[in-house]
Amino acid sequence: MPKGIGANIWFRHIAVTLAYALAYTLLREVTFSHWIPLAGFRFCVLLFVPYRYWPALVLGEFLPLAYTGIACAPKYGWAWGATFMVPPMLFAMPIIRWCRGRRRLFPSRASTNINVFLFCTLTVSLLWAAVNIATFSLMRGPLVDAYAYETQTVAGWYLLGNYIGILTIVPLVLLAREEWAEGNRGRLWARLAESRLVLDSVCLLLPSLALLVWLATSMPGHQEARVAMFLPVAWLALRHGWRGAAVGGTAASIAVKLTMPAIHDSDTLHALVFIAFTASTMMMLGGRIAVLHEREERQRIDARLAFALAQRNVHLGEIQLQQISGALEQLSGSIQASYTQMLGRLRCLLPGTDERNYYRQAAVTQHQMYRLADSLYPQALRERGLPAALREGSVPRSLDEAGIAYWCDVKGDALDGLSMGVQVTLYRLVNEAVAVLCAERNVSRIHVRLRNGLFGGRRWVVLRLQSRVDYERLSRVRWDQLAPVLGGSGLGVGAIKDRAAVFGGKVRARLRSEGSCIAIMLFDAEIC
């Protein structure tokens, strides 16, 4: 099968060489000693281009340097020309290779270690400034003697230029890399349009910098406008972390450059130093803020997973209880049928009184087994829903048989919108709360109120149980009959709080001798 021209390895290397040489040549037109975007481009290419293309990059940088060195060697000397032809990229390769290795700079596909990036930026800037100053020290000729710059001054220019050049370009590329790797690439433009960072940059950062640029150019003698350009950078970093510092630092660096009246203007140099310092510190602070936000988000996700796991376990437990309840009902029917068949065969041998007693005992046993099955998982909840279970289930019947007045008031939207897990939990909470209210035996009336609604796409439920004491009625309550059939765990309010916490609920309890109140609020995990 024939292969395309792009599959040829030599063609790809030649394309990389020519593309880099062309981009290098174009960027040199806007580069000068203390503002070197070419350093940022070189740094960025070394960060993201595969190692196998690094020789092609070195060759691509050597070609324009060799052309310039040969052309200008008669003016500045051949020693300078030979040194100028050495690509500075070679000196930065070991450092960037170290940063890229073992996930030091990129711990994951969509994250960046800002501290490692800033360390690499400073180290590479120092190296490239040393290479530039070494090349500058070899310059000879009348033009060099005419200007006679001090070596320390030129070294400061080159260090600032390389450092600010890297901070101008590379952080934006790192930001674009994370946005590209985070989500659906088909919705990239939609996510950018909805991004708060983009909105703040367009609506606040750019207008404020444009105003400061206008003030700096209209009042050349005043330095305050240039220095004030760090304020939008700091504000954006505090709001959006290192990403805000990256966007703000790039915009502020370009804004300071636009206000430069001359190449070696001292006020502009001071402003660039201040912007470089501000961008670096804000990126360090923003990186720390991003780490804290990531840790908080991870904890939030872990908490959600824990809640989801607990809710699934609760659901599985309720399914098992439902199966056991159904098995008990079938067993109760089988026992009743067997008992009836046995008594039918022995009817001729038993007196009439004993036969009636046996039938009565069989009916009591069947009723107790049915009540046990209903307490495990109420039949009314399975067949007619939560309101019927709260009004006609085993707990209302047991309270009524024991002599305690009970009524249930349900208002709000249809409870069918709640998940089955929440409905079963509400039923269990009512059982627990009733057991807590009856524990002190000072209850004669219990009123249950249930309210539900929708807020923020999630359903909420409020359950409120109130007890009252009527001492005349209290004296007739059959506590010995009530205690075995309430169905609570007997662990008190703590059990209610634990069960409600599974669904992000809150519990407030006020237990008093004249009357108690327990209020519970739950949130459904399912989003509507």
Protein backbone atom coordinates (compact mmCIF):
# COMPACT_ATOMS: atom_id res chain seq x y z
CA MET A 1 0.00 0.00 0.00
CA PRO A 2 1.60 3.37 -0.99
CA LYS A 3 2.40 5.76 1.83
CA GLY A 4 1.81 9.52 1.78
CA ILE A 5 4.55 12.07 1.79
CA GLY A 6 3.77 12.84 5.45
CA ALA A 7 4.82 9.33 6.44
CA ASN A 8 8.40 10.01 5.35
CA ILE A 9 10.48 10.67 8.45
CA TRP A 10 12.97 12.86 6.60
CA PHE A 11 10.18 15.00 5.20
CA ARG A 12 8.77 15.55 8.70
CA HIS A 13 12.18 16.60 10.05
CA ILE A 14 12.73 18.98 7.15
CA ALA A 15 9.25 20.46 7.66
CA VAL A 16 9.95 21.01 11.38
CA THR A 17 13.29 22.65 10.55
CA LEU A 18 11.84 25.03 7.98
CA ALA A 19 8.76 25.89 10.08
CA TYR A 20 10.89 26.70 13.13
CA ALA A 21 13.39 28.72 11.07
CA LEU A 22 10.57 30.78 9.53
CA ALA A 23 8.88 31.43 12.91
CA TYR A 24 12.26 32.30 14.46
CA THR A 25 12.99 34.80 11.69
CA LEU A 26 9.60 36.49 12.07
CA LEU A 27 9.82 36.79 15.84
CA ARG A 28 13.29 38.31 15.67
CA GLU A 29 11.70 41.36 14.07
CA VAL A 30 9.85 42.19 17.33
CA THR A 31 12.65 41.17 19.70
CA PHE A 32 15.08 43.43 21.49
CA SER A 33 17.31 43.04 24.53
CA HIS A 34 14.78 43.44 27.36
CA TRP A 35 11.68 42.03 25.65
CA ILE A 36 12.41 38.71 23.93
CA PRO A 37 9.24 36.83 22.93
CA LEU A 38 11.57 34.63 20.91
CA ALA A 39 12.71 33.09 24.22
CA GLY A 40 9.12 32.19 25.05
CA PHE A 41 8.62 30.61 21.63
CA ARG A 42 11.84 28.62 21.96
CA PHE A 43 10.91 27.48 25.49
CA CYS A 44 7.40 26.50 24.39
CA VAL A 45 8.66 24.46 21.44
CA LEU A 46 11.06 22.53 23.65
CA LEU A 47 8.23 21.81 26.10
CA PHE A 48 5.81 20.26 23.63
CA VAL A 49 7.71 19.01 20.59
CA PRO A 50 8.70 15.32 20.87
CA TYR A 51 12.33 14.59 21.63
CA ARG A 52 12.91 12.97 18.24
CA TYR A 53 12.43 16.34 16.53
CA TRP A 54 14.87 18.24 18.76
CA PRO A 55 17.78 17.85 16.28
CA ALA A 56 15.55 19.38 13.60
CA LEU A 57 14.77 22.29 15.95
CA VAL A 58 18.49 22.87 16.58
CA LEU A 59 19.10 22.94 12.83
CA GLY A 60 16.12 25.26 12.33
CA GLU A 61 17.56 27.72 14.85
CA PHE A 62 21.08 27.40 13.46
CA LEU A 63 20.08 28.44 9.91
CA PRO A 64 18.89 32.03 10.66
CA LEU A 65 21.66 32.48 13.24
CA ALA A 66 24.29 31.40 10.74
CA TYR A 67 22.88 33.76 8.11
CA THR A 68 22.90 36.71 10.54
CA GLY A 69 26.33 35.81 11.97
CA ILE A 70 27.97 35.59 8.56
CA ALA A 71 26.29 38.75 7.35
CA CYS A 72 27.27 40.83 10.44
CA ALA A 73 30.70 39.29 11.14
CA PRO A 74 32.58 42.01 9.21
CA LYS A 75 30.97 44.64 11.52
CA TYR A 76 31.37 42.89 14.89
CA GLY A 77 34.19 40.42 14.32
CA TRP A 78 34.38 36.78 13.36
CA ALA A 79 34.76 35.67 16.98
CA TRP A 80 31.38 37.19 17.70
CA GLY A 81 29.98 35.65 14.51
CA ALA A 82 31.16 32.14 15.42
CA THR A 83 29.69 32.43 18.93
CA PHE A 84 26.45 33.94 17.64
CA MET A 85 25.85 30.89 15.41
CA VAL A 86 25.63 28.54 18.41
CA PRO A 87 21.89 27.92 19.04
CA PRO A 88 20.97 28.92 22.65
CA MET A 89 18.43 26.11 22.53
CA LEU A 90 21.23 23.62 23.15
CA PHE A 91 21.93 24.98 26.63
CA ALA A 92 18.27 24.76 27.72
CA MET A 93 17.61 21.23 26.50
CA PRO A 94 18.95 19.38 29.58
CA ILE A 95 16.92 21.54 31.96
CA ILE A 96 13.69 21.23 30.01
CA ARG A 97 14.32 17.53 29.55
CA TRP A 98 14.61 17.20 33.33
CA CYS A 99 11.39 19.16 33.88
CA ARG A 100 9.47 17.08 31.35
CA GLY A 101 10.74 13.79 32.76
CA ARG A 102 8.94 11.80 35.46
CA ARG A 103 5.88 14.06 35.33
CA ARG A 104 7.63 16.88 37.15
CA LEU A 105 6.12 19.69 35.09
CA PHE A 106 2.92 17.88 34.04
CA PRO A 107 1.76 15.64 36.92
CA SER A 108 -1.31 14.64 34.92
CA ARG A 109 -2.77 15.19 31.50
CA ALA A 110 -4.68 18.31 32.50
CA SER A 111 -2.54 19.86 35.24
CA THR A 112 0.70 21.85 35.51
CA ASN A 113 3.17 22.21 38.36
CA ILE A 114 3.65 25.98 38.45
CA ASN A 115 6.59 25.88 40.87
CA VAL A 116 8.55 23.61 38.52
CA PHE A 117 7.65 25.84 35.60
CA LEU A 118 8.86 28.99 37.34
CA PHE A 119 12.07 27.27 38.45
CA CYS A 120 12.69 26.11 34.88
CA THR A 121 11.87 29.59 33.56
CA LEU A 122 14.35 31.32 35.88
CA THR A 123 17.11 28.77 35.22
CA VAL A 124 16.71 28.91 31.45
CA SER A 125 16.57 32.71 31.54
CA LEU A 126 19.84 32.84 33.46
CA LEU A 127 21.48 30.43 31.01
CA TRP A 128 20.30 32.28 27.94
CA ALA A 129 21.26 35.63 29.48
CA ALA A 130 24.76 34.21 30.13
CA VAL A 131 24.97 33.04 26.50
CA ASN A 132 23.80 36.46 25.25
CA ILE A 133 26.25 38.38 27.43
CA ALA A 134 29.11 36.08 26.41
CA THR A 135 28.28 36.74 22.77
CA PHE A 136 27.96 40.46 23.46
CA SER A 137 31.36 40.59 25.16
CA LEU A 138 32.98 39.36 21.94
CA MET A 139 31.58 42.17 19.82
CA ARG A 140 34.21 44.42 18.33
CA GLY A 141 33.99 47.38 16.01
CA PRO A 142 33.27 51.08 15.79
CA LEU A 143 29.53 50.69 16.51
CA VAL A 144 30.25 48.89 19.77
CA ASP A 145 32.77 51.53 20.82
CA ALA A 146 30.31 54.33 20.00
CA TYR A 147 27.63 53.06 22.44
CA ALA A 148 29.92 51.53 25.09
CA TYR A 149 27.23 49.84 27.21
CA GLU A 150 28.26 48.47 30.57
CA THR A 151 28.28 44.69 30.78
CA GLN A 152 26.18 44.63 33.97
CA THR A 153 23.50 46.77 32.36
CA VAL A 154 23.35 44.58 29.27
CA ALA A 155 23.24 41.44 31.45
CA GLY A 156 20.21 42.85 33.27
CA TRP A 157 18.51 43.62 29.96
CA TYR A 158 19.04 40.11 28.64
CA LEU A 159 17.91 38.44 31.86
CA LEU A 160 14.77 40.57 32.00
CA GLY A 161 14.11 40.09 28.29
CA ASN A 162 14.36 36.30 28.40
CA TYR A 163 12.35 36.02 31.60
CA ILE A 164 9.54 38.35 30.53
CA GLY A 165 9.53 36.77 27.06
CA ILE A 166 8.90 33.33 28.54
CA LEU A 167 6.20 34.63 30.90
CA THR A 168 4.48 36.38 28.01
CA ILE A 169 3.98 33.31 25.83
CA VAL A 170 4.40 30.01 27.69
CA PRO A 171 1.73 30.36 30.44
CA LEU A 172 -0.92 31.01 27.80
CA VAL A 173 0.15 27.87 25.96
CA LEU A 174 -0.01 25.89 29.21
CA LEU A 175 -3.50 27.24 29.79
CA ALA A 176 -4.56 26.26 26.27
CA ARG A 177 -3.09 22.78 26.81
CA GLU A 178 -5.16 22.22 29.95
CA GLU A 179 -8.34 23.48 28.29
CA TRP A 180 -7.69 21.19 25.33
CA ALA A 181 -7.13 18.16 27.55
CA GLU A 182 -9.91 18.73 30.09
CA GLY A 183 -13.12 18.02 28.24
CA ASN A 184 -14.93 17.48 24.98
CA ARG A 185 -12.90 19.13 22.25
CA GLY A 186 -16.00 19.58 20.12
CA ARG A 187 -17.38 21.95 22.76
CA LEU A 188 -14.12 23.87 23.24
CA TRP A 189 -15.45 27.12 21.82
CA ALA A 190 -18.67 26.75 23.78
CA ARG A 191 -16.70 26.26 27.00
CA LEU A 192 -14.53 29.27 26.22
CA ALA A 193 -17.63 31.38 25.58
CA GLU A 194 -19.03 30.34 28.97
CA SER A 195 -15.72 30.71 30.84
CA ARG A 196 -15.61 33.26 33.64
CA LEU A 197 -11.92 33.83 32.93
CA VAL A 198 -12.62 34.81 29.34
CA LEU A 199 -15.49 37.05 30.43
CA ASP A 200 -13.41 38.81 33.11
CA SER A 201 -10.50 39.21 30.70
CA VAL A 202 -12.60 40.73 27.93
CA CYS A 203 -14.84 42.89 30.09
CA LEU A 204 -12.43 44.04 32.82
CA LEU A 205 -8.78 43.21 32.11
CA LEU A 206 -8.48 44.50 28.55
CA PRO A 207 -10.47 47.74 29.11
CA SER A 208 -8.50 48.58 32.25
CA LEU A 209 -5.16 47.96 30.52
CA ALA A 210 -6.28 49.96 27.50
CA LEU A 211 -7.11 52.88 29.80
CA LEU A 212 -3.72 52.62 31.51
CA VAL A 213 -1.93 52.46 28.15
CA TRP A 214 -3.73 55.62 27.07
CA LEU A 215 -2.80 57.37 30.31
CA ALA A 216 0.85 56.30 30.02
CA THR A 217 1.15 57.48 26.42
CA SER A 218 -0.67 60.76 27.02
CA MET A 219 1.46 61.59 30.10
CA PRO A 220 4.97 60.39 29.23
CA GLY A 221 6.60 61.71 32.38
CA HIS A 222 4.37 59.76 34.79
CA GLN A 223 5.30 56.21 35.79
CA GLU A 224 2.17 55.52 37.87
CA ALA A 225 0.09 54.27 34.92
CA ARG A 226 2.66 51.60 34.01
CA VAL A 227 3.09 50.48 37.62
CA ALA A 228 -0.68 50.29 38.08
CA MET A 229 -0.88 47.64 35.36
CA PHE A 230 -0.11 45.00 37.99
CA LEU A 231 -3.50 45.57 39.66
CA PRO A 232 -5.58 43.76 37.01
CA VAL A 233 -3.03 40.94 37.05
CA ALA A 234 -3.30 40.54 40.83
CA TRP A 235 -7.10 40.74 40.74
CA LEU A 236 -7.36 38.13 37.98
CA ALA A 237 -4.91 35.81 39.79
CA LEU A 238 -6.84 35.99 43.05
CA ARG A 239 -10.04 35.26 41.20
CA HIS A 240 -8.89 32.51 38.83
CA GLY A 241 -5.58 31.21 40.20
CA TRP A 242 -2.49 30.85 38.05
CA ARG A 243 -4.61 30.86 34.91
CA GLY A 244 -5.71 34.40 35.66
CA ALA A 245 -2.09 35.37 36.35
CA ALA A 246 -1.05 33.87 33.00
CA VAL A 247 -3.62 35.83 31.01
CA GLY A 248 -3.08 39.01 33.02
CA GLY A 249 0.73 38.77 32.87
CA THR A 250 0.71 38.37 29.10
CA ALA A 251 -1.66 41.29 28.59
CA ALA A 252 0.23 43.53 31.03
CA SER A 253 3.60 42.73 29.42
CA ILE A 254 2.29 43.68 25.98
CA ALA A 255 0.64 46.78 27.42
CA VAL A 256 3.91 47.97 28.98
CA LYS A 257 5.70 47.36 25.70
CA LEU A 258 3.12 49.46 23.83
CA THR A 259 3.83 52.41 26.14
CA MET A 260 7.59 52.31 25.54
CA PRO A 261 8.75 55.66 24.06
CA ALA A 262 12.28 54.39 23.31
CA ILE A 263 13.98 50.99 23.26
CA HIS A 264 16.14 51.60 26.34
CA ASP A 265 13.71 53.78 28.28
CA SER A 266 14.46 53.38 31.99
CA ASP A 267 10.84 53.84 33.11
CA THR A 268 9.73 51.07 30.79
CA LEU A 269 12.47 48.80 32.13
CA HIS A 270 11.34 49.45 35.70
CA ALA A 271 7.74 48.73 34.75
CA LEU A 272 8.73 45.48 33.03
CA VAL A 273 10.67 44.38 36.10
CA PHE A 274 7.66 45.11 38.29
CA ILE A 275 5.30 43.26 35.94
CA ALA A 276 7.67 40.25 35.82
CA PHE A 277 7.85 40.17 39.60
CA THR A 278 4.08 40.53 39.94
CA ALA A 279 3.32 37.86 37.34
CA SER A 280 5.76 35.42 38.98
CA THR A 281 4.44 35.90 42.51
CA MET A 282 0.83 35.81 41.35
CA MET A 283 1.46 32.60 39.42
CA MET A 284 3.05 31.05 42.52
CA LEU A 285 0.10 32.17 44.62
CA GLY A 286 -2.34 31.11 41.92
CA GLY A 287 -0.67 27.72 41.65
CA ARG A 288 -1.10 27.24 45.38
CA ILE A 289 -4.73 28.35 45.14
CA ALA A 290 -5.25 25.91 42.27
CA VAL A 291 -3.77 23.07 44.35
CA LEU A 292 -6.09 23.93 47.24
CA HIS A 293 -9.08 24.10 44.90
CA GLU A 294 -8.13 20.78 43.34
CA ARG A 295 -7.76 19.21 46.78
CA GLU A 296 -11.11 20.60 47.85
CA GLU A 297 -12.75 19.36 44.66
CA ARG A 298 -11.18 15.93 45.16
CA GLN A 299 -12.50 15.81 48.72
CA ARG A 300 -15.93 16.86 47.49
CA ILE A 301 -15.89 14.12 44.85
CA ASP A 302 -14.74 11.55 47.42
CA ALA A 303 -17.56 12.65 49.74
CA ARG A 304 -20.08 12.29 46.92
CA LEU A 305 -18.76 8.82 46.11
CA ALA A 306 -18.95 7.88 49.78
CA PHE A 307 -22.54 9.12 49.97
CA ALA A 308 -23.42 7.26 46.78
CA LEU A 309 -21.86 4.07 48.12
CA ALA A 310 -23.72 4.42 51.42
CA GLN A 311 -26.99 5.02 49.59
CA ARG A 312 -26.43 1.95 47.41
CA ASN A 313 -25.72 -0.12 50.52
CA VAL A 314 -28.92 1.19 52.10
CA HIS A 315 -30.82 0.27 48.95
CA LEU A 316 -29.32 -3.23 48.91
CA GLY A 317 -30.21 -3.66 52.59
CA GLU A 318 -33.80 -2.63 51.91
CA ILE A 319 -34.00 -5.09 49.02
CA GLN A 320 -32.85 -7.86 51.34
CA LEU A 321 -35.40 -6.82 53.97
CA GLN A 322 -38.10 -6.81 51.29
CA GLN A 323 -37.14 -10.34 50.26
CA ILE A 324 -37.14 -11.51 53.88
CA SER A 325 -40.52 -9.84 54.44
CA GLY A 326 -41.99 -11.62 51.43
CA ALA A 327 -40.52 -14.92 52.59
CA LEU A 328 -42.05 -14.44 56.06
CA GLU A 329 -45.48 -13.77 54.55
CA GLN A 330 -45.24 -16.93 52.45
CA LEU A 331 -44.05 -18.87 55.49
CA SER A 332 -46.97 -17.48 57.52
CA GLY A 333 -49.42 -18.66 54.91
CA SER A 334 -47.78 -22.09 54.75
CA ILE A 335 -47.84 -22.46 58.53
CA GLN A 336 -51.51 -21.44 58.65
CA ALA A 337 -52.42 -23.94 55.94
CA SER A 338 -50.47 -26.74 57.61
CA TYR A 339 -51.97 -25.92 61.02
CA THR A 340 -55.49 -25.89 59.60
CA GLN A 341 -54.93 -29.21 57.82
CA MET A 342 -53.53 -30.80 60.97
CA LEU A 343 -56.44 -29.57 63.13
CA GLY A 344 -58.89 -30.83 60.51
CA ARG A 345 -57.45 -34.32 60.75
CA LEU A 346 -57.43 -34.23 64.57
CA ARG A 347 -60.86 -32.64 64.95
CA CYS A 348 -62.52 -35.87 65.95
CA LEU A 349 -60.01 -36.40 68.75
CA LEU A 350 -60.15 -32.87 70.26
CA PRO A 351 -62.86 -31.28 72.42
CA GLY A 352 -64.55 -28.20 70.95
CA THR A 353 -62.99 -25.84 73.47
CA ASP A 354 -59.46 -27.00 72.70
CA GLU A 355 -60.12 -26.75 68.96
CA ARG A 356 -61.17 -23.12 69.28
CA ASN A 357 -58.13 -22.33 71.43
CA TYR A 358 -55.84 -23.91 68.86
CA TYR A 359 -57.45 -21.93 66.05
CA ARG A 360 -57.11 -18.76 68.11
CA GLN A 361 -53.42 -19.45 68.78
CA ALA A 362 -52.84 -20.13 65.10
CA ALA A 363 -54.50 -16.83 64.17
CA VAL A 364 -52.40 -14.94 66.76
CA THR A 365 -49.21 -16.56 65.48
CA GLN A 366 -50.08 -15.71 61.89
CA HIS A 367 -50.89 -12.11 62.89
CA GLN A 368 -47.57 -11.77 64.73
CA MET A 369 -45.64 -13.10 61.76
CA TYR A 370 -47.52 -10.74 59.45
CA ARG A 371 -46.73 -7.79 61.74
CA LEU A 372 -43.07 -8.84 61.82
CA ALA A 373 -42.96 -9.05 58.02
CA ASP A 374 -44.72 -5.69 57.75
CA SER A 375 -42.24 -4.07 60.16
CA LEU A 376 -39.32 -5.35 58.08
CA TYR A 377 -40.76 -3.89 54.88
CA PRO A 378 -44.32 -2.54 54.96
CA GLN A 379 -46.73 -3.92 52.42
CA ALA A 380 -48.47 -0.55 52.11
CA LEU A 381 -45.18 1.07 51.04
CA ARG A 382 -44.70 -1.49 48.31
CA GLU A 383 -48.26 -1.36 47.01
CA ARG A 384 -49.58 2.17 47.66
CA GLY A 385 -46.56 4.38 48.39
CA LEU A 386 -45.17 6.33 51.31
CA PRO A 387 -48.30 8.33 52.36
CA ALA A 388 -50.29 5.12 52.77
CA ALA A 389 -47.47 3.49 54.74
CA LEU A 390 -47.28 6.47 57.11
CA ARG A 391 -51.05 6.53 57.62
CA GLU A 392 -51.90 2.80 57.59
CA GLY A 393 -48.62 0.96 58.22
CA SER A 394 -47.56 -1.10 61.19
CA VAL A 395 -46.52 1.91 63.29
CA PRO A 396 -49.88 3.76 63.06
CA ARG A 397 -51.74 0.52 63.81
CA SER A 398 -49.50 -0.29 66.77
CA LEU A 399 -49.90 3.21 68.21
CA ASP A 400 -53.66 3.07 67.75
CA GLU A 401 -53.89 -0.35 69.41
CA ALA A 402 -51.77 0.89 72.32
CA GLY A 403 -54.01 3.95 72.84
CA ILE A 404 -51.81 6.76 71.41
CA ALA A 405 -53.46 9.20 69.03
CA TYR A 406 -51.60 9.41 65.73
CA TRP A 407 -52.20 11.31 62.53
CA CYS A 408 -50.11 12.13 59.49
CA ASP A 409 -50.29 15.27 57.33
CA VAL A 410 -48.66 15.17 53.87
CA LYS A 411 -48.46 18.31 51.70
CA GLY A 412 -46.43 19.40 48.70
CA ASP A 413 -45.74 17.93 45.31
CA ALA A 414 -46.27 14.27 44.57
CA LEU A 415 -43.96 12.07 46.61
CA ASP A 416 -43.62 9.75 43.62
CA GLY A 417 -40.90 12.08 42.35
CA LEU A 418 -38.63 11.01 45.20
CA SER A 419 -36.34 8.05 44.75
CA MET A 420 -37.35 4.82 46.42
CA GLY A 421 -34.32 5.00 48.68
CA VAL A 422 -35.45 8.33 50.13
CA GLN A 423 -39.02 7.09 50.61
CA VAL A 424 -37.89 4.01 52.50
CA THR A 425 -35.48 6.13 54.56
CA LEU A 426 -38.31 8.48 55.50
CA TYR A 427 -40.37 5.53 56.66
CA ARG A 428 -37.48 4.23 58.76
CA LEU A 429 -36.89 7.69 60.21
CA VAL A 430 -40.52 7.90 61.29
CA ASN A 431 -40.14 4.54 63.06
CA GLU A 432 -36.95 5.68 64.80
CA ALA A 433 -38.43 9.04 65.78
CA VAL A 434 -41.62 7.44 67.15
CA ALA A 435 -39.49 5.04 69.20
CA VAL A 436 -37.49 7.97 70.59
CA LEU A 437 -40.63 9.93 71.45
CA CYS A 438 -42.19 6.93 73.19
CA ALA A 439 -39.03 5.95 75.06
CA GLU A 440 -39.82 8.12 78.11
CA ARG A 441 -43.49 7.03 78.15
CA ASN A 442 -44.80 10.59 78.34
CA VAL A 443 -46.59 10.69 74.98
CA SER A 444 -50.28 10.48 74.26
CA ARG A 445 -50.47 12.20 70.85
CA ILE A 446 -48.10 12.15 67.87
CA HIS A 447 -48.47 14.37 64.84
CA VAL A 448 -46.37 13.71 61.70
CA ARG A 449 -45.99 16.41 59.04
CA LEU A 450 -44.32 15.76 55.69
CA ARG A 451 -43.44 18.53 53.22
CA ASN A 452 -41.49 18.27 49.97
CA GLY A 453 -40.50 20.50 47.10
CA LEU A 454 -37.91 21.31 44.48
CA PHE A 455 -34.92 23.66 44.78
CA GLY A 456 -31.87 23.95 42.53
CA GLY A 457 -32.84 20.89 40.52
CA ARG A 458 -32.97 18.67 43.63
CA ARG A 459 -35.96 17.53 45.65
CA TRP A 460 -36.05 18.21 49.35
CA VAL A 461 -38.20 16.67 52.08
CA VAL A 462 -38.93 17.96 55.57
CA LEU A 463 -40.26 15.54 58.16
CA ARG A 464 -41.54 16.88 61.49
CA LEU A 465 -42.84 14.82 64.42
CA GLN A 466 -44.47 16.48 67.43
CA SER A 467 -45.67 14.82 70.59
CA ARG A 468 -48.16 16.07 73.18
CA VAL A 469 -49.07 14.85 76.63
CA ASP A 470 -52.66 14.36 77.76
CA TYR A 471 -52.35 12.85 81.22
CA GLU A 472 -55.89 11.48 81.25
CA ARG A 473 -55.21 9.61 78.00
CA LEU A 474 -51.65 8.78 79.05
CA SER A 475 -52.88 6.64 81.93
CA ARG A 476 -54.68 4.34 79.48
CA VAL A 477 -51.70 3.74 77.15
CA ARG A 478 -50.63 0.07 77.03
CA TRP A 479 -46.84 0.49 76.98
CA ASP A 480 -46.06 -3.21 77.42
CA GLN A 481 -47.98 -3.98 74.25
CA LEU A 482 -46.39 -1.09 72.31
CA ALA A 483 -42.67 -1.52 73.06
CA PRO A 484 -42.08 -4.80 71.14
CA VAL A 485 -43.75 -3.63 67.91
CA LEU A 486 -42.37 -0.11 67.36
CA GLY A 487 -39.48 -1.36 65.23
CA GLY A 488 -36.87 1.27 66.16
CA SER A 489 -33.24 0.47 66.78
CA GLY A 490 -33.32 1.92 70.29
CA LEU A 491 -30.16 3.97 69.70
CA GLY A 492 -31.86 7.33 70.18
CA VAL A 493 -31.40 10.55 68.24
CA GLY A 494 -27.90 9.49 67.15
CA ALA A 495 -29.36 6.73 64.98
CA ILE A 496 -31.73 9.23 63.37
CA LYS A 497 -28.84 11.59 62.57
CA ASP A 498 -26.74 8.78 61.11
CA ARG A 499 -29.55 7.54 58.89
CA ALA A 500 -30.40 11.07 57.71
CA ALA A 501 -26.74 11.89 57.01
CA VAL A 502 -26.66 9.22 54.30
CA PHE A 503 -28.88 11.50 52.21
CA GLY A 504 -27.22 14.74 53.28
CA GLY A 505 -29.89 15.39 55.85
CA LYS A 506 -29.98 17.45 59.03
CA VAL A 507 -31.80 16.66 62.28
CA ARG A 508 -33.00 18.92 65.07
CA ALA A 509 -34.44 17.40 68.20
CA ARG A 510 -36.10 19.09 71.18
CA LEU A 511 -37.06 16.56 73.83
CA ARG A 512 -39.08 17.93 76.77
CA SER A 513 -41.41 16.48 79.31
CA GLU A 514 -44.42 18.53 78.19
CA GLY A 515 -43.90 17.78 74.52
CA SER A 516 -41.10 16.93 72.10
CA CYS A 517 -40.30 17.80 68.50
CA ILE A 518 -37.98 16.12 65.96
CA ALA A 519 -37.42 17.83 62.59
CA ILE A 520 -35.55 16.13 59.73
CA MET A 521 -34.59 17.51 56.32
CA LEU A 522 -33.39 15.28 53.48
CA PHE A 523 -32.20 15.90 49.93
CA ASP A 524 -32.77 13.46 47.12
CA ALA A 525 -29.56 12.49 45.34
CA GLU A 526 -31.33 12.29 41.99
CA ILE A 527 -31.30 15.57 40.04
CA CYS A 528 -34.51 16.44 38.28
